Amino acid sequence: MVEALSDRGSVNIPVKLNYTVKLDVVRTTFHQPDVFINIISGDVGDKETMTPEYKVVAVDFEKV
């Protein structure tokens, strides 16, 4: 588990290291109700669907 931190907040998420994802890239799902990843992403969204933009946000991690 790590705490993912951005300028907007932080969330605790489980981590799985995967060498097929590029270095310095974080990938996660956004549909899990127990991990509110939208807390740390931007607040820009689509006006029609009210969904957040694709997530592009700088994050840091701390081991939990």
PDB file of N, CA and C in Angstrom:
ATOM      1  N   MET A   1       0.847  -1.189   0.000  1.00  0.00           N
ATOM      2  CA  MET A   1       0.000   0.000   0.000  1.00  0.00           C
ATOM      3  C   MET A   1       0.886   1.244   0.000  1.00  0.00           C
ATOM      4  N   VAL A   2       0.433   2.257  -0.727  1.00  0.00           N
ATOM      5  CA  VAL A   2       1.108   3.544  -0.722  1.00  0.00           C
ATOM      6  C   VAL A   2       0.062   4.644  -0.574  1.00  0.00           C
ATOM      7  N   GLU A   3       0.534   5.780  -0.130  1.00  0.00           N
ATOM      8  CA  GLU A   3      -0.284   6.980  -0.135  1.00  0.00           C
ATOM      9  C   GLU A   3       0.136   7.757  -1.381  1.00  0.00           C
ATOM     10  N   ALA A   4      -0.792   7.962  -2.300  1.00  0.00           N
ATOM     11  CA  ALA A   4      -0.527   8.751  -3.501  1.00  0.00           C
ATOM     12  C   ALA A   4      -0.932  10.186  -3.190  1.00  0.00           C
ATOM     13  N   LEU A   5      -0.002  11.115  -3.377  1.00  0.00           N
ATOM     14  CA  LEU A   5      -0.236  12.510  -3.022  1.00  0.00           C
ATOM     15  C   LEU A   5      -0.124  13.408  -4.249  1.00  0.00           C
ATOM     16  N   SER A   6      -1.027  14.369  -4.337  1.00  0.00           N
ATOM     17  CA  SER A   6      -0.944  15.408  -5.366  1.00  0.00           C
ATOM     18  C   SER A   6      -1.217  16.742  -4.688  1.00  0.00           C
ATOM     19  N   ASP A   7      -1.238  17.816  -5.452  1.00  0.00           N
ATOM     20  CA  ASP A   7      -1.554  19.128  -4.895  1.00  0.00           C
ATOM     21  C   ASP A   7      -2.993  19.205  -4.401  1.00  0.00           C
ATOM     22  N   ARG A   8      -3.848  18.292  -4.862  1.00  0.00           N
ATOM     23  CA  ARG A   8      -5.273  18.319  -4.497  1.00  0.00           C
ATOM     24  C   ARG A   8      -5.608  17.471  -3.273  1.00  0.00           C
ATOM     25  N   GLY A   9      -4.751  16.517  -2.907  1.00  0.00           N
ATOM     26  CA  GLY A   9      -5.059  15.658  -1.773  1.00  0.00           C
ATOM     27  C   GLY A   9      -4.265  14.380  -1.828  1.00  0.00           C
ATOM     28  N   SER A  10      -4.762  13.359  -1.123  1.00  0.00           N
ATOM     29  CA  SER A  10      -4.070  12.076  -1.095  1.00  0.00           C
ATOM     30  C   SER A  10      -5.061  10.938  -0.912  1.00  0.00           C
ATOM     31  N   VAL A  11      -4.681   9.761  -1.392  1.00  0.00           N
ATOM     32  CA  VAL A  11      -5.462   8.542  -1.217  1.00  0.00           C
ATOM     33  C   VAL A  11      -4.504   7.388  -0.984  1.00  0.00           C
ATOM     34  N   ASN A  12      -4.953   6.381  -0.264  1.00  0.00           N
ATOM     35  CA  ASN A  12      -4.182   5.155  -0.073  1.00  0.00           C
ATOM     36  C   ASN A  12      -4.634   4.138  -1.109  1.00  0.00           C
ATOM     37  N   ILE A  13      -3.666   3.585  -1.839  1.00  0.00           N
ATOM     38  CA  ILE A  13      -3.987   2.611  -2.879  1.00  0.00           C
ATOM     39  C   ILE A  13      -3.002   1.450  -2.837  1.00  0.00           C
ATOM     40  N   PRO A  14      -3.475   0.259  -3.223  1.00  0.00           N
ATOM     41  CA  PRO A  14      -2.557  -0.877  -3.327  1.00  0.00           C
ATOM     42  C   PRO A  14      -1.682  -0.706  -4.562  1.00  0.00           C
ATOM     43  N   VAL A  15      -0.472  -1.237  -4.514  1.00  0.00           N
ATOM     44  CA  VAL A  15       0.479  -1.075  -5.607  1.00  0.00           C
ATOM     45  C   VAL A  15       0.907  -2.439  -6.121  1.00  0.00           C
ATOM     46  N   LYS A  16       1.038  -2.520  -7.440  1.00  0.00           N
ATOM     47  CA  LYS A  16       1.607  -3.695  -8.087  1.00  0.00           C
ATOM     48  C   LYS A  16       2.618  -3.177  -9.098  1.00  0.00           C
ATOM     49  N   LEU A  17       3.863  -3.505  -8.904  1.00  0.00           N
ATOM     50  CA  LEU A  17       4.914  -3.065  -9.813  1.00  0.00           C
ATOM     51  C   LEU A  17       4.798  -3.830 -11.120  1.00  0.00           C
ATOM     52  N   ASN A  18       4.843  -3.088 -12.231  1.00  0.00           N
ATOM     53  CA  ASN A  18       4.675  -3.685 -13.539  1.00  0.00           C
ATOM     54  C   ASN A  18       5.683  -3.054 -14.489  1.00  0.00           C
ATOM     55  N   TYR A  19       6.561  -3.841 -15.039  1.00  0.00           N
ATOM     56  CA  TYR A  19       7.619  -3.321 -15.888  1.00  0.00           C
ATOM     57  C   TYR A  19       7.172  -3.036 -17.324  1.00  0.00           C
ATOM     58  N   THR A  20       5.905  -3.284 -17.659  1.00  0.00           N
ATOM     59  CA  THR A  20       5.422  -2.953 -19.002  1.00  0.00           C
ATOM     60  C   THR A  20       4.912  -1.518 -19.081  1.00  0.00           C
ATOM     61  N   VAL A  21       4.706  -0.878 -17.944  1.00  0.00           N
ATOM     62  CA  VAL A  21       4.314   0.531 -17.908  1.00  0.00           C
ATOM     63  C   VAL A  21       5.593   1.360 -17.915  1.00  0.00           C
ATOM     64  N   LYS A  22       5.600   2.442 -18.698  1.00  0.00           N
ATOM     65  CA  LYS A  22       6.795   3.269 -18.824  1.00  0.00           C
ATOM     66  C   LYS A  22       7.254   3.821 -17.486  1.00  0.00           C
ATOM     67  N   LEU A  23       8.550   4.014 -17.356  1.00  0.00           N
ATOM     68  CA  LEU A  23       9.144   4.612 -16.169  1.00  0.00           C
ATOM     69  C   LEU A  23       8.517   5.983 -15.916  1.00  0.00           C
ATOM     70  N   ASP A  24       8.221   6.297 -14.683  1.00  0.00           N
ATOM     71  CA  ASP A  24       7.623   7.571 -14.260  1.00  0.00           C
ATOM     72  C   ASP A  24       6.155   7.720 -14.658  1.00  0.00           C
ATOM     73  N   VAL A  25       5.494   6.612 -14.989  1.00  0.00           N
ATOM     74  CA  VAL A  25       4.076   6.640 -15.325  1.00  0.00           C
ATOM     75  C   VAL A  25       3.328   5.822 -14.282  1.00  0.00           C
ATOM     76  N   VAL A  26       2.213   6.362 -13.821  1.00  0.00           N
ATOM     77  CA  VAL A  26       1.344   5.660 -12.877  1.00  0.00           C
ATOM     78  C   VAL A  26       0.046   5.359 -13.597  1.00  0.00           C
ATOM     79  N   ARG A  27      -0.419   4.151 -13.459  1.00  0.00           N
ATOM     80  CA  ARG A  27      -1.663   3.755 -14.109  1.00  0.00           C
ATOM     81  C   ARG A  27      -2.559   3.119 -13.061  1.00  0.00           C
ATOM     82  N   THR A  28      -3.833   3.495 -13.083  1.00  0.00           N
ATOM     83  CA  THR A  28      -4.794   2.903 -12.152  1.00  0.00           C
ATOM     84  C   THR A  28      -6.191   2.978 -12.742  1.00  0.00           C
ATOM     85  N   THR A  29      -7.107   2.225 -12.159  1.00  0.00           N
ATOM     86  CA  THR A  29      -8.508   2.310 -12.561  1.00  0.00           C
ATOM     87  C   THR A  29      -9.172   3.428 -11.755  1.00  0.00           C
ATOM     88  N   PHE A  30     -10.290   3.892 -12.253  1.00  0.00           N
ATOM     89  CA  PHE A  30     -10.984   5.002 -11.608  1.00  0.00           C
ATOM     90  C   PHE A  30     -12.390   4.637 -11.166  1.00  0.00           C
ATOM     91  N   HIS A  31     -12.784   3.407 -11.348  1.00  0.00           N
ATOM     92  CA  HIS A  31     -14.167   3.030 -11.068  1.00  0.00           C
ATOM     93  C   HIS A  31     -14.355   2.298  -9.745  1.00  0.00           C
ATOM     94  N   GLN A  32     -13.322   2.156  -8.966  1.00  0.00           N
ATOM     95  CA  GLN A  32     -13.451   1.455  -7.686  1.00  0.00           C
ATOM     96  C   GLN A  32     -13.977   2.405  -6.613  1.00  0.00           C
ATOM     97  N   PRO A  33     -15.148   2.139  -6.058  1.00  0.00           N
ATOM     98  CA  PRO A  33     -15.718   3.056  -5.068  1.00  0.00           C
ATOM     99  C   PRO A  33     -14.925   3.144  -3.767  1.00  0.00           C
ATOM    100  N   ASP A  34     -14.101   2.120  -3.473  1.00  0.00           N
ATOM    101  CA  ASP A  34     -13.331   2.156  -2.233  1.00  0.00           C
ATOM    102  C   ASP A  34     -12.031   2.940  -2.368  1.00  0.00           C
ATOM    103  N   VAL A  35     -11.651   3.335  -3.595  1.00  0.00           N
ATOM    104  CA  VAL A  35     -10.461   4.161  -3.828  1.00  0.00           C
ATOM    105  C   VAL A  35     -10.904   5.384  -4.624  1.00  0.00           C
ATOM    106  N   PHE A  36     -11.018   6.494  -3.968  1.00  0.00           N
ATOM    107  CA  PHE A  36     -11.512   7.707  -4.616  1.00  0.00           C
ATOM    108  C   PHE A  36     -10.367   8.457  -5.280  1.00  0.00           C
ATOM    109  N   ILE A  37      -9.862   7.887  -6.387  1.00  0.00           N
ATOM    110  CA  ILE A  37      -8.702   8.450  -7.063  1.00  0.00           C
ATOM    111  C   ILE A  37      -9.000   9.848  -7.611  1.00  0.00           C
ATOM    112  N   ASN A  38     -10.264  10.167  -7.845  1.00  0.00           N
ATOM    113  CA  ASN A  38     -10.621  11.500  -8.341  1.00  0.00           C
ATOM    114  C   ASN A  38     -10.243  12.590  -7.342  1.00  0.00           C
ATOM    115  N   ILE A  39     -10.052  12.235  -6.090  1.00  0.00           N
ATOM    116  CA  ILE A  39      -9.653  13.211  -5.070  1.00  0.00           C
ATOM    117  C   ILE A  39      -8.318  13.850  -5.427  1.00  0.00           C
ATOM    118  N   ILE A  40      -7.423  13.091  -6.030  1.00  0.00           N
ATOM    119  CA  ILE A  40      -6.089  13.626  -6.304  1.00  0.00           C
ATOM    120  C   ILE A  40      -5.915  14.110  -7.736  1.00  0.00           C
ATOM    121  N   SER A  41      -6.939  13.896  -8.576  1.00  0.00           N
ATOM    122  CA  SER A  41      -6.820  14.332  -9.971  1.00  0.00           C
ATOM    123  C   SER A  41      -7.461  15.705 -10.158  1.00  0.00           C
ATOM    124  N   GLY A  42      -7.367  16.222 -11.350  1.00  0.00           N
ATOM    125  CA  GLY A  42      -7.912  17.546 -11.635  1.00  0.00           C
ATOM    126  C   GLY A  42      -9.426  17.588 -11.562  1.00  0.00           C
ATOM    127  N   ASP A  43      -9.977  18.788 -11.517  1.00  0.00           N
ATOM    128  CA  ASP A  43     -11.424  18.934 -11.404  1.00  0.00           C
ATOM    129  C   ASP A  43     -12.081  19.381 -12.708  1.00  0.00           C
ATOM    130  N   VAL A  44     -11.328  19.352 -13.816  1.00  0.00           N
ATOM    131  CA  VAL A  44     -11.904  19.678 -15.117  1.00  0.00           C
ATOM    132  C   VAL A  44     -12.719  18.484 -15.582  1.00  0.00           C
ATOM    133  N   GLY A  45     -13.913  18.739 -16.095  1.00  0.00           N
ATOM    134  CA  GLY A  45     -14.751  17.635 -16.525  1.00  0.00           C
ATOM    135  C   GLY A  45     -15.564  17.959 -17.753  1.00  0.00           C
ATOM    136  N   ASP A  46     -16.146  16.938 -18.336  1.00  0.00           N
ATOM    137  CA  ASP A  46     -17.012  17.077 -19.485  1.00  0.00           C
ATOM    138  C   ASP A  46     -18.357  17.647 -19.041  1.00  0.00           C
ATOM    139  N   LYS A  47     -18.811  18.696 -19.685  1.00  0.00           N
ATOM    140  CA  LYS A  47     -20.054  19.361 -19.284  1.00  0.00           C
ATOM    141  C   LYS A  47     -21.289  18.507 -19.551  1.00  0.00           C
ATOM    142  N   GLU A  48     -21.235  17.656 -20.561  1.00  0.00           N
ATOM    143  CA  GLU A  48     -22.389  16.825 -20.917  1.00  0.00           C
ATOM    144  C   GLU A  48     -22.530  15.602 -20.012  1.00  0.00           C
ATOM    145  N   THR A  49     -21.425  14.896 -19.791  1.00  0.00           N
ATOM    146  CA  THR A  49     -21.490  13.645 -19.033  1.00  0.00           C
ATOM    147  C   THR A  49     -21.131  13.806 -17.568  1.00  0.00           C
ATOM    148  N   MET A  50     -20.584  14.979 -17.212  1.00  0.00           N
ATOM    149  CA  MET A  50     -20.166  15.258 -15.838  1.00  0.00           C
ATOM    150  C   MET A  50     -19.079  14.288 -15.364  1.00  0.00           C
ATOM    151  N   THR A  51     -18.267  13.782 -16.299  1.00  0.00           N
ATOM    152  CA  THR A  51     -17.161  12.897 -15.936  1.00  0.00           C
ATOM    153  C   THR A  51     -15.853  13.677 -15.983  1.00  0.00           C
ATOM    154  N   PRO A  52     -14.905  13.328 -15.131  1.00  0.00           N
ATOM    155  CA  PRO A  52     -13.616  14.020 -15.128  1.00  0.00           C
ATOM    156  C   PRO A  52     -12.853  13.784 -16.429  1.00  0.00           C
ATOM    157  N   GLU A  53     -11.951  14.701 -16.741  1.00  0.00           N
ATOM    158  CA  GLU A  53     -11.091  14.527 -17.903  1.00  0.00           C
ATOM    159  C   GLU A  53     -10.187  13.326 -17.690  1.00  0.00           C
ATOM    160  N   TYR A  54      -9.552  12.882 -18.765  1.00  0.00           N
ATOM    161  CA  TYR A  54      -8.536  11.847 -18.576  1.00  0.00           C
ATOM    162  C   TYR A  54      -7.494  12.373 -17.604  1.00  0.00           C
ATOM    163  N   LYS A  55      -7.074  11.535 -16.730  1.00  0.00           N
ATOM    164  CA  LYS A  55      -6.235  11.974 -15.616  1.00  0.00           C
ATOM    165  C   LYS A  55      -4.797  12.212 -16.033  1.00  0.00           C
ATOM    166  N   VAL A  56      -4.349  13.424 -15.869  1.00  0.00           N
ATOM    167  CA  VAL A  56      -2.951  13.784 -16.074  1.00  0.00           C
ATOM    168  C   VAL A  56      -2.592  14.656 -14.887  1.00  0.00           C
ATOM    169  N   VAL A  57      -1.906  14.064 -13.928  1.00  0.00           N
ATOM    170  CA  VAL A  57      -1.604  14.778 -12.693  1.00  0.00           C
ATOM    171  C   VAL A  57      -0.284  14.265 -12.129  1.00  0.00           C
ATOM    172  N   ALA A  58       0.516  15.184 -11.604  1.00  0.00           N
ATOM    173  CA  ALA A  58       1.767  14.791 -10.960  1.00  0.00           C
ATOM    174  C   ALA A  58       1.464  14.248  -9.570  1.00  0.00           C
ATOM    175  N   VAL A  59       2.036  13.103  -9.250  1.00  0.00           N
ATOM    176  CA  VAL A  59       1.836  12.503  -7.934  1.00  0.00           C
ATOM    177  C   VAL A  59       3.167  12.082  -7.329  1.00  0.00           C
ATOM    178  N   ASP A  60       3.142  11.930  -6.039  1.00  0.00           N
ATOM    179  CA  ASP A  60       4.275  11.402  -5.299  1.00  0.00           C
ATOM    180  C   ASP A  60       3.725  10.252  -4.462  1.00  0.00           C
ATOM    181  N   PHE A  61       4.599   9.412  -3.940  1.00  0.00           N
ATOM    182  CA  PHE A  61       4.168   8.256  -3.157  1.00  0.00           C
ATOM    183  C   PHE A  61       4.925   8.165  -1.850  1.00  0.00           C
ATOM    184  N   GLU A  62       4.226   7.671  -0.844  1.00  0.00           N
ATOM    185  CA  GLU A  62       4.839   7.319   0.429  1.00  0.00           C
ATOM    186  C   GLU A  62       4.316   5.951   0.837  1.00  0.00           C
ATOM    187  N   LYS A  63       5.204   5.082   1.281  1.00  0.00           N
ATOM    188  CA  LYS A  63       4.804   3.758   1.736  1.00  0.00           C
ATOM    189  C   LYS A  63       3.928   3.883   2.979  1.00  0.00           C
ATOM    190  N   VAL A  64       2.841   3.120   3.002  1.00  0.00           N
ATOM    191  CA  VAL A  64       1.908   3.122   4.143  1.00  0.00           C
ATOM    192  C   VAL A  64       2.140   1.890   4.969  1.00  0.00           C
TER     193      VAL A  64
END
